[in-house]
Amino acid sequence: MFEYLDDVATLQKEIKLDLAYGLTGKTAIHPTQVPTIEAAYAVDVEDYEMARALSDQTAPAVFRMHNAMCEVATHQQWGAGILNRQRCYGVNDALSLKEYAEQSF
């Protein structure tokens, strides 16, 4: 639960910590907090892509994606959780710093 009504920055930080510790929910004390909470639970594009690849029945047992090793037997449960969050909260399509730097303006 987050008790402060007008401290969105701290709420966002707290949710990031919650997610890092594996917590999967947040209690809002005011309806204005709900959009911030739901936005924080949206999954990153790279996590979503990796989770989809892990759930592919034709995926090799171990593969490389986004410069990380993916092992289906080890990471499949993580991937299922990411896909479930994506169904509930969507995908955070914000550009990474590298992608932003590569944009031509």
PDB file of N, CA and C in Angstrom:
ATOM      1  N   MET A   1       0.850  -1.161   0.000  1.00  0.00           N
ATOM      2  CA  MET A   1       0.000   0.000   0.000  1.00  0.00           C
ATOM      3  C   MET A   1       0.904   1.235   0.000  1.00  0.00           C
ATOM      4  N   PHE A   2       0.429   2.268  -0.683  1.00  0.00           N
ATOM      5  CA  PHE A   2       1.158   3.529  -0.736  1.00  0.00           C
ATOM      6  C   PHE A   2       0.250   4.611  -0.169  1.00  0.00           C
ATOM      7  N   GLU A   3       0.658   5.224   0.922  1.00  0.00           N
ATOM      8  CA  GLU A   3      -0.211   6.109   1.699  1.00  0.00           C
ATOM      9  C   GLU A   3      -0.246   7.552   1.250  1.00  0.00           C
ATOM     10  N   TYR A   4       0.671   7.982   0.372  1.00  0.00           N
ATOM     11  CA  TYR A   4       0.771   9.390   0.030  1.00  0.00           C
ATOM     12  C   TYR A   4       0.047   9.673  -1.283  1.00  0.00           C
ATOM     13  N   LEU A   5      -0.794  10.673  -1.289  1.00  0.00           N
ATOM     14  CA  LEU A   5      -1.623  10.947  -2.464  1.00  0.00           C
ATOM     15  C   LEU A   5      -0.895  11.666  -3.581  1.00  0.00           C
ATOM     16  N   ASP A   6      -0.018  12.583  -3.263  1.00  0.00           N
ATOM     17  CA  ASP A   6       0.565  13.460  -4.283  1.00  0.00           C
ATOM     18  C   ASP A   6       2.053  13.237  -4.522  1.00  0.00           C
ATOM     19  N   ASP A   7       2.551  12.050  -4.259  1.00  0.00           N
ATOM     20  CA  ASP A   7       3.980  11.776  -4.423  1.00  0.00           C
ATOM     21  C   ASP A   7       4.167  10.675  -5.464  1.00  0.00           C
ATOM     22  N   VAL A   8       3.912  11.025  -6.711  1.00  0.00           N
ATOM     23  CA  VAL A   8       3.954  10.057  -7.810  1.00  0.00           C
ATOM     24  C   VAL A   8       5.361   9.496  -8.010  1.00  0.00           C
ATOM     25  N   ALA A   9       6.379  10.335  -7.879  1.00  0.00           N
ATOM     26  CA  ALA A   9       7.760   9.881  -8.088  1.00  0.00           C
ATOM     27  C   ALA A   9       8.129   8.776  -7.100  1.00  0.00           C
ATOM     28  N   THR A  10       7.773   8.959  -5.836  1.00  0.00           N
ATOM     29  CA  THR A  10       8.079   7.940  -4.829  1.00  0.00           C
ATOM     30  C   THR A  10       7.247   6.685  -5.063  1.00  0.00           C
ATOM     31  N   LEU A  11       6.010   6.850  -5.481  1.00  0.00           N
ATOM     32  CA  LEU A  11       5.172   5.699  -5.810  1.00  0.00           C
ATOM     33  C   LEU A  11       5.810   4.882  -6.935  1.00  0.00           C
ATOM     34  N   GLN A  12       6.294   5.549  -7.963  1.00  0.00           N
ATOM     35  CA  GLN A  12       6.940   4.847  -9.077  1.00  0.00           C
ATOM     36  C   GLN A  12       8.184   4.099  -8.612  1.00  0.00           C
ATOM     37  N   LYS A  13       8.997   4.737  -7.776  1.00  0.00           N
ATOM     38  CA  LYS A  13      10.200   4.083  -7.246  1.00  0.00           C
ATOM     39  C   LYS A  13       9.826   2.851  -6.419  1.00  0.00           C
ATOM     40  N   GLU A  14       8.809   2.993  -5.594  1.00  0.00           N
ATOM     41  CA  GLU A  14       8.389   1.895  -4.733  1.00  0.00           C
ATOM     42  C   GLU A  14       7.881   0.709  -5.562  1.00  0.00           C
ATOM     43  N   ILE A  15       7.152   0.988  -6.624  1.00  0.00           N
ATOM     44  CA  ILE A  15       6.650  -0.089  -7.481  1.00  0.00           C
ATOM     45  C   ILE A  15       7.805  -0.805  -8.165  1.00  0.00           C
ATOM     46  N   LYS A  16       8.820  -0.066  -8.622  1.00  0.00           N
ATOM     47  CA  LYS A  16       9.989  -0.704  -9.238  1.00  0.00           C
ATOM     48  C   LYS A  16      10.666  -1.646  -8.250  1.00  0.00           C
ATOM     49  N   LEU A  17      10.789  -1.214  -7.003  1.00  0.00           N
ATOM     50  CA  LEU A  17      11.362  -2.084  -5.984  1.00  0.00           C
ATOM     51  C   LEU A  17      10.482  -3.303  -5.745  1.00  0.00           C
ATOM     52  N   ASP A  18       9.168  -3.093  -5.673  1.00  0.00           N
ATOM     53  CA  ASP A  18       8.234  -4.203  -5.501  1.00  0.00           C
ATOM     54  C   ASP A  18       8.427  -5.252  -6.597  1.00  0.00           C
ATOM     55  N   LEU A  19       8.514  -4.782  -7.835  1.00  0.00           N
ATOM     56  CA  LEU A  19       8.700  -5.701  -8.962  1.00  0.00           C
ATOM     57  C   LEU A  19      10.040  -6.419  -8.868  1.00  0.00           C
ATOM     58  N   ALA A  20      11.076  -5.715  -8.453  1.00  0.00           N
ATOM     59  CA  ALA A  20      12.397  -6.333  -8.310  1.00  0.00           C
ATOM     60  C   ALA A  20      12.372  -7.436  -7.260  1.00  0.00           C
ATOM     61  N   TYR A  21      11.544  -7.279  -6.239  1.00  0.00           N
ATOM     62  CA  TYR A  21      11.425  -8.287  -5.188  1.00  0.00           C
ATOM     63  C   TYR A  21      10.391  -9.358  -5.521  1.00  0.00           C
ATOM     64  N   GLY A  22       9.783  -9.260  -6.705  1.00  0.00           N
ATOM     65  CA  GLY A  22       8.837 -10.288  -7.131  1.00  0.00           C
ATOM     66  C   GLY A  22       7.404 -10.077  -6.679  1.00  0.00           C
ATOM     67  N   LEU A  23       7.108  -8.921  -6.138  1.00  0.00           N
ATOM     68  CA  LEU A  23       5.726  -8.649  -5.732  1.00  0.00           C
ATOM     69  C   LEU A  23       4.883  -8.360  -6.967  1.00  0.00           C
ATOM     70  N   THR A  24       3.661  -8.779  -6.946  1.00  0.00           N
ATOM     71  CA  THR A  24       2.836  -8.689  -8.157  1.00  0.00           C
ATOM     72  C   THR A  24       1.579  -7.861  -7.987  1.00  0.00           C
ATOM     73  N   GLY A  25       1.524  -7.011  -6.997  1.00  0.00           N
ATOM     74  CA  GLY A  25       0.354  -6.173  -6.827  1.00  0.00           C
ATOM     75  C   GLY A  25       0.655  -4.984  -5.940  1.00  0.00           C
ATOM     76  N   LYS A  26      -0.193  -3.998  -6.028  1.00  0.00           N
ATOM     77  CA  LYS A  26      -0.027  -2.781  -5.232  1.00  0.00           C
ATOM     78  C   LYS A  26      -1.416  -2.282  -4.864  1.00  0.00           C
ATOM     79  N   THR A  27      -1.609  -1.947  -3.608  1.00  0.00           N
ATOM     80  CA  THR A  27      -2.886  -1.419  -3.156  1.00  0.00           C
ATOM     81  C   THR A  27      -2.877   0.098  -3.280  1.00  0.00           C
ATOM     82  N   ALA A  28      -3.852   0.630  -3.984  1.00  0.00           N
ATOM     83  CA  ALA A  28      -3.998   2.080  -4.117  1.00  0.00           C
ATOM     84  C   ALA A  28      -4.973   2.567  -3.056  1.00  0.00           C
ATOM     85  N   ILE A  29      -4.673   3.718  -2.479  1.00  0.00           N
ATOM     86  CA  ILE A  29      -5.607   4.292  -1.508  1.00  0.00           C
ATOM     87  C   ILE A  29      -6.469   5.371  -2.137  1.00  0.00           C
ATOM     88  N   HIS A  30      -6.168   5.706  -3.398  1.00  0.00           N
ATOM     89  CA  HIS A  30      -6.951   6.723  -4.086  1.00  0.00           C
ATOM     90  C   HIS A  30      -6.985   6.385  -5.573  1.00  0.00           C
ATOM     91  N   PRO A  31      -8.123   6.597  -6.224  1.00  0.00           N
ATOM     92  CA  PRO A  31      -8.231   6.253  -7.656  1.00  0.00           C
ATOM     93  C   PRO A  31      -7.218   6.941  -8.558  1.00  0.00           C
ATOM     94  N   THR A  32      -6.699   8.094  -8.158  1.00  0.00           N
ATOM     95  CA  THR A  32      -5.716   8.788  -8.997  1.00  0.00           C
ATOM     96  C   THR A  32      -4.387   8.026  -9.070  1.00  0.00           C
ATOM     97  N   GLN A  33      -4.158   7.092  -8.139  1.00  0.00           N
ATOM     98  CA  GLN A  33      -2.929   6.303  -8.142  1.00  0.00           C
ATOM     99  C   GLN A  33      -2.976   5.139  -9.133  1.00  0.00           C
ATOM    100  N   VAL A  34      -4.155   4.723  -9.524  1.00  0.00           N
ATOM    101  CA  VAL A  34      -4.309   3.523 -10.363  1.00  0.00           C
ATOM    102  C   VAL A  34      -3.564   3.636 -11.696  1.00  0.00           C
ATOM    103  N   PRO A  35      -3.679   4.722 -12.454  1.00  0.00           N
ATOM    104  CA  PRO A  35      -2.939   4.792 -13.722  1.00  0.00           C
ATOM    105  C   PRO A  35      -1.423   4.668 -13.546  1.00  0.00           C
ATOM    106  N   THR A  36      -0.883   5.260 -12.490  1.00  0.00           N
ATOM    107  CA  THR A  36       0.560   5.160 -12.227  1.00  0.00           C
ATOM    108  C   THR A  36       0.943   3.717 -11.941  1.00  0.00           C
ATOM    109  N   ILE A  37       0.148   3.041 -11.135  1.00  0.00           N
ATOM    110  CA  ILE A  37       0.427   1.648 -10.789  1.00  0.00           C
ATOM    111  C   ILE A  37       0.323   0.761 -12.028  1.00  0.00           C
ATOM    112  N   GLU A  38      -0.739   0.923 -12.790  1.00  0.00           N
ATOM    113  CA  GLU A  38      -0.914   0.082 -13.980  1.00  0.00           C
ATOM    114  C   GLU A  38       0.182   0.332 -15.012  1.00  0.00           C
ATOM    115  N   ALA A  39       0.591   1.568 -15.179  1.00  0.00           N
ATOM    116  CA  ALA A  39       1.664   1.871 -16.133  1.00  0.00           C
ATOM    117  C   ALA A  39       2.975   1.212 -15.716  1.00  0.00           C
ATOM    118  N   ALA A  40       3.240   1.179 -14.419  1.00  0.00           N
ATOM    119  CA  ALA A  40       4.481   0.577 -13.928  1.00  0.00           C
ATOM    120  C   ALA A  40       4.499  -0.931 -14.131  1.00  0.00           C
ATOM    121  N   TYR A  41       3.335  -1.562 -14.172  1.00  0.00           N
ATOM    122  CA  TYR A  41       3.256  -3.008 -14.353  1.00  0.00           C
ATOM    123  C   TYR A  41       3.280  -3.431 -15.823  1.00  0.00           C
ATOM    124  N   ALA A  42       3.223  -2.476 -16.744  1.00  0.00           N
ATOM    125  CA  ALA A  42       3.393  -2.807 -18.162  1.00  0.00           C
ATOM    126  C   ALA A  42       4.786  -3.390 -18.345  1.00  0.00           C
ATOM    127  N   VAL A  43       4.933  -4.379 -19.211  1.00  0.00           N
ATOM    128  CA  VAL A  43       6.222  -5.053 -19.372  1.00  0.00           C
ATOM    129  C   VAL A  43       7.067  -4.347 -20.429  1.00  0.00           C
ATOM    130  N   ASP A  44       8.374  -4.443 -20.270  1.00  0.00           N
ATOM    131  CA  ASP A  44       9.294  -3.893 -21.259  1.00  0.00           C
ATOM    132  C   ASP A  44       9.235  -4.724 -22.539  1.00  0.00           C
ATOM    133  N   VAL A  45       9.458  -4.073 -23.658  1.00  0.00           N
ATOM    134  CA  VAL A  45       9.392  -4.733 -24.959  1.00  0.00           C
ATOM    135  C   VAL A  45      10.341  -5.927 -25.011  1.00  0.00           C
ATOM    136  N   GLU A  46      11.575  -5.743 -24.563  1.00  0.00           N
ATOM    137  CA  GLU A  46      12.551  -6.833 -24.630  1.00  0.00           C
ATOM    138  C   GLU A  46      12.138  -8.015 -23.754  1.00  0.00           C
ATOM    139  N   ASP A  47      11.580  -7.751 -22.576  1.00  0.00           N
ATOM    140  CA  ASP A  47      11.096  -8.839 -21.727  1.00  0.00           C
ATOM    141  C   ASP A  47       9.947  -9.571 -22.398  1.00  0.00           C
ATOM    142  N   TYR A  48       9.042  -8.821 -23.021  1.00  0.00           N
ATOM    143  CA  TYR A  48       7.913  -9.434 -23.715  1.00  0.00           C
ATOM    144  C   TYR A  48       8.389 -10.321 -24.867  1.00  0.00           C
ATOM    145  N   GLU A  49       9.327  -9.811 -25.661  1.00  0.00           N
ATOM    146  CA  GLU A  49       9.854 -10.600 -26.774  1.00  0.00           C
ATOM    147  C   GLU A  49      10.528 -11.873 -26.274  1.00  0.00           C
ATOM    148  N   MET A  50      11.289 -11.761 -25.190  1.00  0.00           N
ATOM    149  CA  MET A  50      11.978 -12.920 -24.631  1.00  0.00           C
ATOM    150  C   MET A  50      10.969 -13.936 -24.077  1.00  0.00           C
ATOM    151  N   ALA A  51       9.953 -13.449 -23.408  1.00  0.00           N
ATOM    152  CA  ALA A  51       8.933 -14.337 -22.851  1.00  0.00           C
ATOM    153  C   ALA A  51       8.199 -15.086 -23.964  1.00  0.00           C
ATOM    154  N   ARG A  52       7.900 -14.404 -25.038  1.00  0.00           N
ATOM    155  CA  ARG A  52       7.251 -15.076 -26.183  1.00  0.00           C
ATOM    156  C   ARG A  52       8.158 -16.134 -26.775  1.00  0.00           C
ATOM    157  N   ALA A  53       9.445 -15.822 -26.903  1.00  0.00           N
ATOM    158  CA  ALA A  53      10.396 -16.787 -27.452  1.00  0.00           C
ATOM    159  C   ALA A  53      10.516 -18.004 -26.540  1.00  0.00           C
ATOM    160  N   LEU A  54      10.495 -17.793 -25.226  1.00  0.00           N
ATOM    161  CA  LEU A  54      10.588 -18.908 -24.285  1.00  0.00           C
ATOM    162  C   LEU A  54       9.361 -19.802 -24.330  1.00  0.00           C
ATOM    163  N   SER A  55       8.219 -19.246 -24.680  1.00  0.00           N
ATOM    164  CA  SER A  55       6.990 -20.037 -24.736  1.00  0.00           C
ATOM    165  C   SER A  55       6.786 -20.731 -26.079  1.00  0.00           C
ATOM    166  N   ASP A  56       7.641 -20.454 -27.041  1.00  0.00           N
ATOM    167  CA  ASP A  56       7.551 -21.069 -28.365  1.00  0.00           C
ATOM    168  C   ASP A  56       7.934 -22.544 -28.272  1.00  0.00           C
ATOM    169  N   GLN A  57       7.037 -23.409 -28.695  1.00  0.00           N
ATOM    170  CA  GLN A  57       7.277 -24.853 -28.619  1.00  0.00           C
ATOM    171  C   GLN A  57       8.485 -25.295 -29.447  1.00  0.00           C
ATOM    172  N   THR A  58       8.857 -24.502 -30.443  1.00  0.00           N
ATOM    173  CA  THR A  58       9.992 -24.869 -31.297  1.00  0.00           C
ATOM    174  C   THR A  58      11.303 -24.221 -30.858  1.00  0.00           C
ATOM    175  N   ALA A  59      11.290 -23.516 -29.735  1.00  0.00           N
ATOM    176  CA  ALA A  59      12.507 -22.848 -29.246  1.00  0.00           C
ATOM    177  C   ALA A  59      13.549 -23.890 -28.850  1.00  0.00           C
ATOM    178  N   PRO A  60      14.812 -23.625 -29.156  1.00  0.00           N
ATOM    179  CA  PRO A  60      15.857 -24.534 -28.681  1.00  0.00           C
ATOM    180  C   PRO A  60      15.940 -24.479 -27.151  1.00  0.00           C
ATOM    181  N   ALA A  61      16.540 -25.464 -26.536  1.00  0.00           N
ATOM    182  CA  ALA A  61      16.630 -25.536 -25.071  1.00  0.00           C
ATOM    183  C   ALA A  61      17.372 -24.330 -24.498  1.00  0.00           C
ATOM    184  N   VAL A  62      18.393 -23.854 -25.212  1.00  0.00           N
ATOM    185  CA  VAL A  62      19.165 -22.687 -24.798  1.00  0.00           C
ATOM    186  C   VAL A  62      19.387 -21.816 -26.025  1.00  0.00           C
ATOM    187  N   PHE A  63      19.155 -20.531 -25.898  1.00  0.00           N
ATOM    188  CA  PHE A  63      19.386 -19.615 -27.016  1.00  0.00           C
ATOM    189  C   PHE A  63      19.769 -18.244 -26.492  1.00  0.00           C
ATOM    190  N   ARG A  64      20.272 -17.413 -27.381  1.00  0.00           N
ATOM    191  CA  ARG A  64      20.683 -16.058 -27.031  1.00  0.00           C
ATOM    192  C   ARG A  64      19.671 -15.068 -27.597  1.00  0.00           C
ATOM    193  N   MET A  65      19.296 -14.099 -26.769  1.00  0.00           N
ATOM    194  CA  MET A  65      18.371 -13.064 -27.216  1.00  0.00           C
ATOM    195  C   MET A  65      18.640 -11.807 -26.419  1.00  0.00           C
ATOM    196  N   HIS A  66      18.705 -10.665 -27.092  1.00  0.00           N
ATOM    197  CA  HIS A  66      18.962  -9.377 -26.440  1.00  0.00           C
ATOM    198  C   HIS A  66      20.211  -9.459 -25.569  1.00  0.00           C
ATOM    199  N   ASN A  67      21.225 -10.105 -26.082  1.00  0.00           N
ATOM    200  CA  ASN A  67      22.520 -10.239 -25.418  1.00  0.00           C
ATOM    201  C   ASN A  67      22.421 -10.955 -24.067  1.00  0.00           C
ATOM    202  N   ALA A  68      21.469 -11.862 -23.943  1.00  0.00           N
ATOM    203  CA  ALA A  68      21.306 -12.652 -22.721  1.00  0.00           C
ATOM    204  C   ALA A  68      21.087 -14.112 -23.095  1.00  0.00           C
ATOM    205  N   MET A  69      21.503 -15.000 -22.219  1.00  0.00           N
ATOM    206  CA  MET A  69      21.259 -16.424 -22.430  1.00  0.00           C
ATOM    207  C   MET A  69      19.861 -16.759 -21.920  1.00  0.00           C
ATOM    208  N   CYS A  70      19.109 -17.454 -22.731  1.00  0.00           N
ATOM    209  CA  CYS A  70      17.771 -17.888 -22.348  1.00  0.00           C
ATOM    210  C   CYS A  70      17.759 -19.416 -22.304  1.00  0.00           C
ATOM    211  N   GLU A  71      17.344 -19.955 -21.196  1.00  0.00           N
ATOM    212  CA  GLU A  71      17.237 -21.402 -21.037  1.00  0.00           C
ATOM    213  C   GLU A  71      15.777 -21.715 -20.731  1.00  0.00           C
ATOM    214  N   VAL A  72      15.130 -22.407 -21.642  1.00  0.00           N
ATOM    215  CA  VAL A  72      13.689 -22.637 -21.546  1.00  0.00           C
ATOM    216  C   VAL A  72      13.320 -23.261 -20.209  1.00  0.00           C
ATOM    217  N   ALA A  73      14.000 -24.326 -19.803  1.00  0.00           N
ATOM    218  CA  ALA A  73      13.643 -25.018 -18.557  1.00  0.00           C
ATOM    219  C   ALA A  73      13.765 -24.100 -17.338  1.00  0.00           C
ATOM    220  N   THR A  74      14.724 -23.217 -17.341  1.00  0.00           N
ATOM    221  CA  THR A  74      14.966 -22.334 -16.204  1.00  0.00           C
ATOM    222  C   THR A  74      14.096 -21.083 -16.232  1.00  0.00           C
ATOM    223  N   HIS A  75      13.864 -20.535 -17.410  1.00  0.00           N
ATOM    224  CA  HIS A  75      13.206 -19.229 -17.519  1.00  0.00           C
ATOM    225  C   HIS A  75      11.735 -19.293 -17.934  1.00  0.00           C
ATOM    226  N   GLN A  76      11.210 -20.470 -18.172  1.00  0.00           N
ATOM    227  CA  GLN A  76       9.836 -20.587 -18.683  1.00  0.00           C
ATOM    228  C   GLN A  76       8.805 -20.008 -17.705  1.00  0.00           C
ATOM    229  N   GLN A  77       8.970 -20.245 -16.415  1.00  0.00           N
ATOM    230  CA  GLN A  77       8.010 -19.715 -15.440  1.00  0.00           C
ATOM    231  C   GLN A  77       8.069 -18.184 -15.407  1.00  0.00           C
ATOM    232  N   TRP A  78       9.286 -17.625 -15.466  1.00  0.00           N
ATOM    233  CA  TRP A  78       9.435 -16.165 -15.535  1.00  0.00           C
ATOM    234  C   TRP A  78       8.694 -15.648 -16.760  1.00  0.00           C
ATOM    235  N   GLY A  79       8.896 -16.311 -17.913  1.00  0.00           N
ATOM    236  CA  GLY A  79       8.254 -15.893 -19.151  1.00  0.00           C
ATOM    237  C   GLY A  79       6.739 -15.925 -19.053  1.00  0.00           C
ATOM    238  N   ALA A  80       6.202 -16.958 -18.406  1.00  0.00           N
ATOM    239  CA  ALA A  80       4.747 -17.048 -18.237  1.00  0.00           C
ATOM    240  C   ALA A  80       4.225 -15.881 -17.403  1.00  0.00           C
ATOM    241  N   GLY A  81       4.974 -15.498 -16.380  1.00  0.00           N
ATOM    242  CA  GLY A  81       4.574 -14.343 -15.566  1.00  0.00           C
ATOM    243  C   GLY A  81       4.591 -13.047 -16.352  1.00  0.00           C
ATOM    244  N   ILE A  82       5.608 -12.890 -17.208  1.00  0.00           N
ATOM    245  CA  ILE A  82       5.696 -11.697 -18.056  1.00  0.00           C
ATOM    246  C   ILE A  82       4.517 -11.655 -19.026  1.00  0.00           C
ATOM    247  N   LEU A  83       4.189 -12.781 -19.636  1.00  0.00           N
ATOM    248  CA  LEU A  83       3.066 -12.817 -20.581  1.00  0.00           C
ATOM    249  C   LEU A  83       1.749 -12.527 -19.870  1.00  0.00           C
ATOM    250  N   ASN A  84       1.607 -12.989 -18.653  1.00  0.00           N
ATOM    251  CA  ASN A  84       0.397 -12.696 -17.886  1.00  0.00           C
ATOM    252  C   ASN A  84       0.299 -11.201 -17.574  1.00  0.00           C
ATOM    253  N   ARG A  85       1.417 -10.602 -17.152  1.00  0.00           N
ATOM    254  CA  ARG A  85       1.415  -9.150 -16.911  1.00  0.00           C
ATOM    255  C   ARG A  85       1.103  -8.382 -18.181  1.00  0.00           C
ATOM    256  N   GLN A  86       1.640  -8.852 -19.311  1.00  0.00           N
ATOM    257  CA  GLN A  86       1.385  -8.171 -20.586  1.00  0.00           C
ATOM    258  C   GLN A  86      -0.103  -8.203 -20.926  1.00  0.00           C
ATOM    259  N   ARG A  87      -0.744  -9.329 -20.675  1.00  0.00           N
ATOM    260  CA  ARG A  87      -2.190  -9.422 -20.959  1.00  0.00           C
ATOM    261  C   ARG A  87      -2.990  -8.451 -20.092  1.00  0.00           C
ATOM    262  N   CYS A  88      -2.536  -8.245 -18.866  1.00  0.00           N
ATOM    263  CA  CYS A  88      -3.254  -7.348 -17.948  1.00  0.00           C
ATOM    264  C   CYS A  88      -2.908  -5.874 -18.156  1.00  0.00           C
ATOM    265  N   TYR A  89      -1.625  -5.579 -18.380  1.00  0.00           N
ATOM    266  CA  TYR A  89      -1.167  -4.185 -18.357  1.00  0.00           C
ATOM    267  C   TYR A  89      -0.554  -3.687 -19.659  1.00  0.00           C
ATOM    268  N   GLY A  90      -0.330  -4.584 -20.613  1.00  0.00           N
ATOM    269  CA  GLY A  90       0.224  -4.155 -21.891  1.00  0.00           C
ATOM    270  C   GLY A  90       1.739  -4.117 -21.902  1.00  0.00           C
ATOM    271  N   VAL A  91       2.261  -3.530 -22.975  1.00  0.00           N
ATOM    272  CA  VAL A  91       3.701  -3.449 -23.186  1.00  0.00           C
ATOM    273  C   VAL A  91       4.122  -1.991 -23.118  1.00  0.00           C
ATOM    274  N   ASN A  92       5.177  -1.737 -22.372  1.00  0.00           N
ATOM    275  CA  ASN A  92       5.764  -0.406 -22.289  1.00  0.00           C
ATOM    276  C   ASN A  92       6.612  -0.220 -23.541  1.00  0.00           C
ATOM    277  N   ASP A  93       6.134   0.578 -24.455  1.00  0.00           N
ATOM    278  CA  ASP A  93       6.828   0.714 -25.734  1.00  0.00           C
ATOM    279  C   ASP A  93       7.788   1.895 -25.768  1.00  0.00           C
ATOM    280  N   ALA A  94       8.187   2.370 -24.608  1.00  0.00           N
ATOM    281  CA  ALA A  94       9.156   3.468 -24.568  1.00  0.00           C
ATOM    282  C   ALA A  94      10.484   3.000 -25.150  1.00  0.00           C
ATOM    283  N   LEU A  95      11.152   3.889 -25.825  1.00  0.00           N
ATOM    284  CA  LEU A  95      12.447   3.554 -26.414  1.00  0.00           C
ATOM    285  C   LEU A  95      13.509   3.433 -25.331  1.00  0.00           C
ATOM    286  N   SER A  96      14.404   2.470 -25.519  1.00  0.00           N
ATOM    287  CA  SER A  96      15.556   2.391 -24.633  1.00  0.00           C
ATOM    288  C   SER A  96      16.494   3.538 -24.978  1.00  0.00           C
ATOM    289  N   LEU A  97      17.453   3.804 -24.103  1.00  0.00           N
ATOM    290  CA  LEU A  97      18.412   4.873 -24.347  1.00  0.00           C
ATOM    291  C   LEU A  97      19.167   4.624 -25.654  1.00  0.00           C
ATOM    292  N   LYS A  98      19.552   3.377 -25.903  1.00  0.00           N
ATOM    293  CA  LYS A  98      20.275   3.044 -27.131  1.00  0.00           C
ATOM    294  C   LYS A  98      19.393   3.300 -28.362  1.00  0.00           C
ATOM    295  N   GLU A  99      18.131   2.862 -28.290  1.00  0.00           N
ATOM    296  CA  GLU A  99      17.215   3.074 -29.424  1.00  0.00           C
ATOM    297  C   GLU A  99      16.992   4.571 -29.663  1.00  0.00           C
ATOM    298  N   TYR A 100      16.861   5.339 -28.583  1.00  0.00           N
ATOM    299  CA  TYR A 100      16.656   6.777 -28.707  1.00  0.00           C
ATOM    300  C   TYR A 100      17.873   7.422 -29.384  1.00  0.00           C
ATOM    301  N   ALA A 101      19.064   7.002 -28.976  1.00  0.00           N
ATOM    302  CA  ALA A 101      20.292   7.566 -29.539  1.00  0.00           C
ATOM    303  C   ALA A 101      20.418   7.250 -31.027  1.00  0.00           C
ATOM    304  N   GLU A 102      19.853   6.129 -31.451  1.00  0.00           N
ATOM    305  CA  GLU A 102      19.952   5.725 -32.856  1.00  0.00           C
ATOM    306  C   GLU A 102      18.909   6.393 -33.757  1.00  0.00           C
ATOM    307  N   GLN A 103      17.953   7.094 -33.151  1.00  0.00           N
ATOM    308  CA  GLN A 103      16.918   7.758 -33.934  1.00  0.00           C
ATOM    309  C   GLN A 103      17.517   8.922 -34.711  1.00  0.00           C
ATOM    310  N   SER A 104      17.033   9.121 -35.927  1.00  0.00           N
ATOM    311  CA  SER A 104      17.486  10.292 -36.698  1.00  0.00           C
ATOM    312  C   SER A 104      16.389  11.352 -36.639  1.00  0.00           C
ATOM    313  N   PHE A 105      16.773  12.537 -36.242  1.00  0.00           N
ATOM    314  CA  PHE A 105      15.789  13.627 -36.102  1.00  0.00           C
ATOM    315  C   PHE A 105      15.916  14.602 -37.240  1.00  0.00           C
TER     316      PHE A 105
END
